[in-house]
Amino acid sequence: MTAPQPTEDVSIGGDSIRLGQFMKFAGLLDSGGDVKEAIIDGYVLVNGEVDRRRGRQLQLGDVVTFEGRSVRVRP
């Protein structure tokens, strides 16, 4: 069994960012098309729950998880 990876902090330089933008900014995926597909297909978790809204506004402290990698929104 592998140990879970630690949550990484990614500074966004503000108070909020959209989920799709954050996934690209954090390096979880490279293209907007890939981001859209992953979100719609339910592979993205926000704070431990599936969220299929690419335009969801993330707030400071939210954690996005994709393919076992978790990234926290920081100012």
N, C-alpha and C. Protein backbone atom coordinates (compact mmCIF):
# COMPACT_ATOMS: atom_id res chain seq x y z
N MET A 1 0.84 -1.18 0.00
CA MET A 1 0.00 0.00 0.00
C MET A 1 0.89 1.24 0.00
N THR A 2 0.53 2.23 -0.82
CA THR A 2 1.32 3.45 -0.87
C THR A 2 0.71 4.50 0.05
N ALA A 3 1.58 5.31 0.62
CA ALA A 3 1.13 6.38 1.51
C ALA A 3 0.54 7.51 0.67
N PRO A 4 -0.48 8.19 1.19
CA PRO A 4 -1.05 9.32 0.44
C PRO A 4 -0.01 10.43 0.31
N GLN A 5 -0.06 11.12 -0.83
CA GLN A 5 0.85 12.23 -1.04
C GLN A 5 0.41 13.41 -0.20
N PRO A 6 1.36 14.22 0.28
CA PRO A 6 0.98 15.40 1.05
C PRO A 6 0.29 16.43 0.16
N THR A 7 -0.53 17.24 0.76
CA THR A 7 -1.22 18.30 0.03
C THR A 7 -0.23 19.42 -0.26
N GLU A 8 -0.20 19.85 -1.52
CA GLU A 8 0.67 20.95 -1.93
C GLU A 8 -0.10 22.26 -1.82
N ASP A 9 0.59 23.33 -1.46
CA ASP A 9 -0.01 24.66 -1.45
C ASP A 9 0.36 25.40 -2.72
N VAL A 10 -0.64 26.04 -3.36
CA VAL A 10 -0.40 26.83 -4.56
C VAL A 10 -0.97 28.22 -4.33
N SER A 11 -0.10 29.22 -4.42
CA SER A 11 -0.51 30.60 -4.22
C SER A 11 -1.14 31.15 -5.49
N ILE A 12 -2.34 31.74 -5.35
CA ILE A 12 -3.04 32.27 -6.51
C ILE A 12 -2.93 33.79 -6.62
N GLY A 13 -2.37 34.44 -5.59
CA GLY A 13 -2.19 35.89 -5.64
C GLY A 13 -3.49 36.66 -5.51
N GLY A 14 -4.51 36.07 -4.92
CA GLY A 14 -5.80 36.73 -4.75
C GLY A 14 -6.67 35.94 -3.81
N ASP A 15 -7.98 36.22 -3.85
CA ASP A 15 -8.91 35.58 -2.93
C ASP A 15 -9.67 34.40 -3.53
N SER A 16 -9.84 34.38 -4.86
CA SER A 16 -10.60 33.29 -5.47
C SER A 16 -10.12 33.06 -6.89
N ILE A 17 -10.45 31.86 -7.41
CA ILE A 17 -10.08 31.47 -8.76
C ILE A 17 -11.07 30.38 -9.20
N ARG A 18 -11.33 30.28 -10.46
CA ARG A 18 -12.24 29.25 -10.96
C ARG A 18 -11.52 27.90 -10.99
N LEU A 19 -12.29 26.84 -10.78
CA LEU A 19 -11.74 25.49 -10.71
C LEU A 19 -10.91 25.14 -11.95
N GLY A 20 -11.45 25.37 -13.14
CA GLY A 20 -10.73 25.04 -14.36
C GLY A 20 -9.42 25.79 -14.49
N GLN A 21 -9.43 27.07 -14.15
CA GLN A 21 -8.21 27.88 -14.20
C GLN A 21 -7.19 27.38 -13.19
N PHE A 22 -7.66 27.04 -12.00
CA PHE A 22 -6.75 26.60 -10.95
C PHE A 22 -6.08 25.28 -11.32
N MET A 23 -6.81 24.38 -11.93
CA MET A 23 -6.22 23.10 -12.30
C MET A 23 -5.06 23.28 -13.28
N LYS A 24 -5.22 24.19 -14.23
CA LYS A 24 -4.12 24.47 -15.16
C LYS A 24 -3.00 25.21 -14.45
N PHE A 25 -3.34 26.21 -13.64
CA PHE A 25 -2.34 27.01 -12.93
C PHE A 25 -1.49 26.14 -12.00
N ALA A 26 -2.14 25.17 -11.34
CA ALA A 26 -1.44 24.30 -10.39
C ALA A 26 -0.68 23.17 -11.09
N GLY A 27 -0.87 23.03 -12.40
CA GLY A 27 -0.17 22.00 -13.15
C GLY A 27 -0.78 20.62 -13.04
N LEU A 28 -2.06 20.54 -12.63
CA LEU A 28 -2.73 19.24 -12.57
C LEU A 28 -3.00 18.71 -13.97
N LEU A 29 -3.30 19.61 -14.91
CA LEU A 29 -3.49 19.26 -16.32
C LEU A 29 -2.98 20.43 -17.15
N ASP A 30 -2.63 20.15 -18.41
CA ASP A 30 -2.03 21.18 -19.25
C ASP A 30 -3.01 21.95 -20.12
N SER A 31 -4.06 21.30 -20.59
CA SER A 31 -4.96 21.96 -21.53
C SER A 31 -6.35 22.15 -20.96
N GLY A 32 -7.01 23.20 -21.43
CA GLY A 32 -8.37 23.46 -21.00
C GLY A 32 -9.32 22.34 -21.38
N GLY A 33 -9.09 21.72 -22.52
CA GLY A 33 -9.93 20.61 -22.96
C GLY A 33 -9.82 19.42 -22.03
N ASP A 34 -8.59 19.12 -21.60
CA ASP A 34 -8.38 18.02 -20.65
C ASP A 34 -9.02 18.32 -19.30
N VAL A 35 -8.91 19.58 -18.87
CA VAL A 35 -9.53 20.00 -17.61
C VAL A 35 -11.03 19.82 -17.68
N LYS A 36 -11.63 20.31 -18.76
CA LYS A 36 -13.09 20.22 -18.93
C LYS A 36 -13.55 18.77 -18.88
N GLU A 37 -12.86 17.91 -19.61
CA GLU A 37 -13.23 16.49 -19.65
C GLU A 37 -13.11 15.83 -18.28
N ALA A 38 -12.01 16.09 -17.57
CA ALA A 38 -11.80 15.49 -16.25
C ALA A 38 -12.88 15.93 -15.26
N ILE A 39 -13.25 17.20 -15.31
CA ILE A 39 -14.28 17.72 -14.40
C ILE A 39 -15.64 17.12 -14.73
N ILE A 40 -16.02 17.16 -16.01
CA ILE A 40 -17.32 16.64 -16.42
C ILE A 40 -17.46 15.15 -16.11
N ASP A 41 -16.36 14.41 -16.28
CA ASP A 41 -16.38 12.96 -16.05
C ASP A 41 -16.34 12.60 -14.56
N GLY A 42 -16.21 13.59 -13.67
CA GLY A 42 -16.27 13.34 -12.24
C GLY A 42 -14.97 12.87 -11.62
N TYR A 43 -13.84 13.16 -12.27
CA TYR A 43 -12.55 12.73 -11.73
C TYR A 43 -11.91 13.75 -10.80
N VAL A 44 -12.54 14.90 -10.61
CA VAL A 44 -11.98 15.97 -9.80
C VAL A 44 -12.77 16.12 -8.51
N LEU A 45 -12.05 16.15 -7.39
CA LEU A 45 -12.68 16.36 -6.10
C LEU A 45 -12.33 17.75 -5.59
N VAL A 46 -13.31 18.41 -4.99
CA VAL A 46 -13.08 19.68 -4.31
C VAL A 46 -13.51 19.47 -2.87
N ASN A 47 -12.56 19.60 -1.97
CA ASN A 47 -12.80 19.36 -0.54
C ASN A 47 -13.41 17.97 -0.31
N GLY A 48 -12.91 16.98 -1.07
CA GLY A 48 -13.32 15.60 -0.87
C GLY A 48 -14.59 15.17 -1.57
N GLU A 49 -15.22 16.07 -2.33
CA GLU A 49 -16.46 15.74 -3.02
C GLU A 49 -16.33 16.02 -4.52
N VAL A 50 -16.94 15.17 -5.34
CA VAL A 50 -16.93 15.39 -6.79
C VAL A 50 -17.65 16.69 -7.09
N ASP A 51 -17.03 17.51 -7.95
CA ASP A 51 -17.68 18.75 -8.40
C ASP A 51 -17.51 18.84 -9.91
N ARG A 52 -18.63 18.90 -10.62
CA ARG A 52 -18.60 18.90 -12.08
C ARG A 52 -18.77 20.30 -12.67
N ARG A 53 -18.51 21.33 -11.86
CA ARG A 53 -18.65 22.72 -12.32
C ARG A 53 -17.27 23.31 -12.59
N ARG A 54 -16.89 23.41 -13.84
CA ARG A 54 -15.59 23.96 -14.19
C ARG A 54 -15.45 25.41 -13.73
N GLY A 55 -16.56 26.14 -13.71
CA GLY A 55 -16.55 27.54 -13.32
C GLY A 55 -16.72 27.78 -11.83
N ARG A 56 -16.72 26.72 -11.03
CA ARG A 56 -16.88 26.88 -9.59
C ARG A 56 -15.80 27.81 -9.04
N GLN A 57 -16.22 28.76 -8.21
CA GLN A 57 -15.27 29.67 -7.58
C GLN A 57 -14.64 28.98 -6.38
N LEU A 58 -13.34 28.79 -6.44
CA LEU A 58 -12.61 28.23 -5.30
C LEU A 58 -12.24 29.37 -4.36
N GLN A 59 -12.25 29.08 -3.09
CA GLN A 59 -11.87 30.05 -2.07
C GLN A 59 -10.56 29.61 -1.42
N LEU A 60 -9.93 30.52 -0.71
CA LEU A 60 -8.70 30.18 -0.01
C LEU A 60 -8.94 29.01 0.92
N GLY A 61 -8.05 28.05 0.90
CA GLY A 61 -8.16 26.87 1.75
C GLY A 61 -8.83 25.68 1.09
N ASP A 62 -9.53 25.88 -0.04
CA ASP A 62 -10.13 24.76 -0.75
C ASP A 62 -9.03 23.82 -1.25
N VAL A 63 -9.34 22.51 -1.25
CA VAL A 63 -8.38 21.50 -1.71
C VAL A 63 -8.96 20.79 -2.93
N VAL A 64 -8.19 20.80 -4.02
CA VAL A 64 -8.58 20.14 -5.27
C VAL A 64 -7.73 18.88 -5.41
N THR A 65 -8.39 17.75 -5.68
CA THR A 65 -7.68 16.48 -5.84
C THR A 65 -7.98 15.90 -7.21
N PHE A 66 -6.90 15.46 -7.89
CA PHE A 66 -7.01 14.83 -9.19
C PHE A 66 -5.92 13.79 -9.31
N GLU A 67 -6.30 12.55 -9.62
CA GLU A 67 -5.36 11.44 -9.79
C GLU A 67 -4.39 11.30 -8.62
N GLY A 68 -4.93 11.39 -7.40
CA GLY A 68 -4.12 11.18 -6.20
C GLY A 68 -3.28 12.36 -5.76
N ARG A 69 -3.33 13.45 -6.51
CA ARG A 69 -2.57 14.65 -6.14
C ARG A 69 -3.52 15.70 -5.61
N SER A 70 -3.23 16.21 -4.41
CA SER A 70 -4.08 17.23 -3.79
C SER A 70 -3.35 18.56 -3.71
N VAL A 71 -4.08 19.63 -4.07
CA VAL A 71 -3.50 20.96 -4.10
C VAL A 71 -4.44 21.92 -3.38
N ARG A 72 -3.88 22.72 -2.45
CA ARG A 72 -4.67 23.66 -1.64
C ARG A 72 -4.50 25.08 -2.19
N VAL A 73 -5.61 25.82 -2.26
CA VAL A 73 -5.60 27.21 -2.71
C VAL A 73 -5.08 28.09 -1.58
N ARG A 74 -4.04 28.86 -1.90
CA ARG A 74 -3.43 29.79 -0.94
C ARG A 74 -3.36 31.18 -1.54
N PRO A 75 -3.33 32.22 -0.68
CA PRO A 75 -3.28 33.61 -1.21
C PRO A 75 -1.96 33.92 -1.89
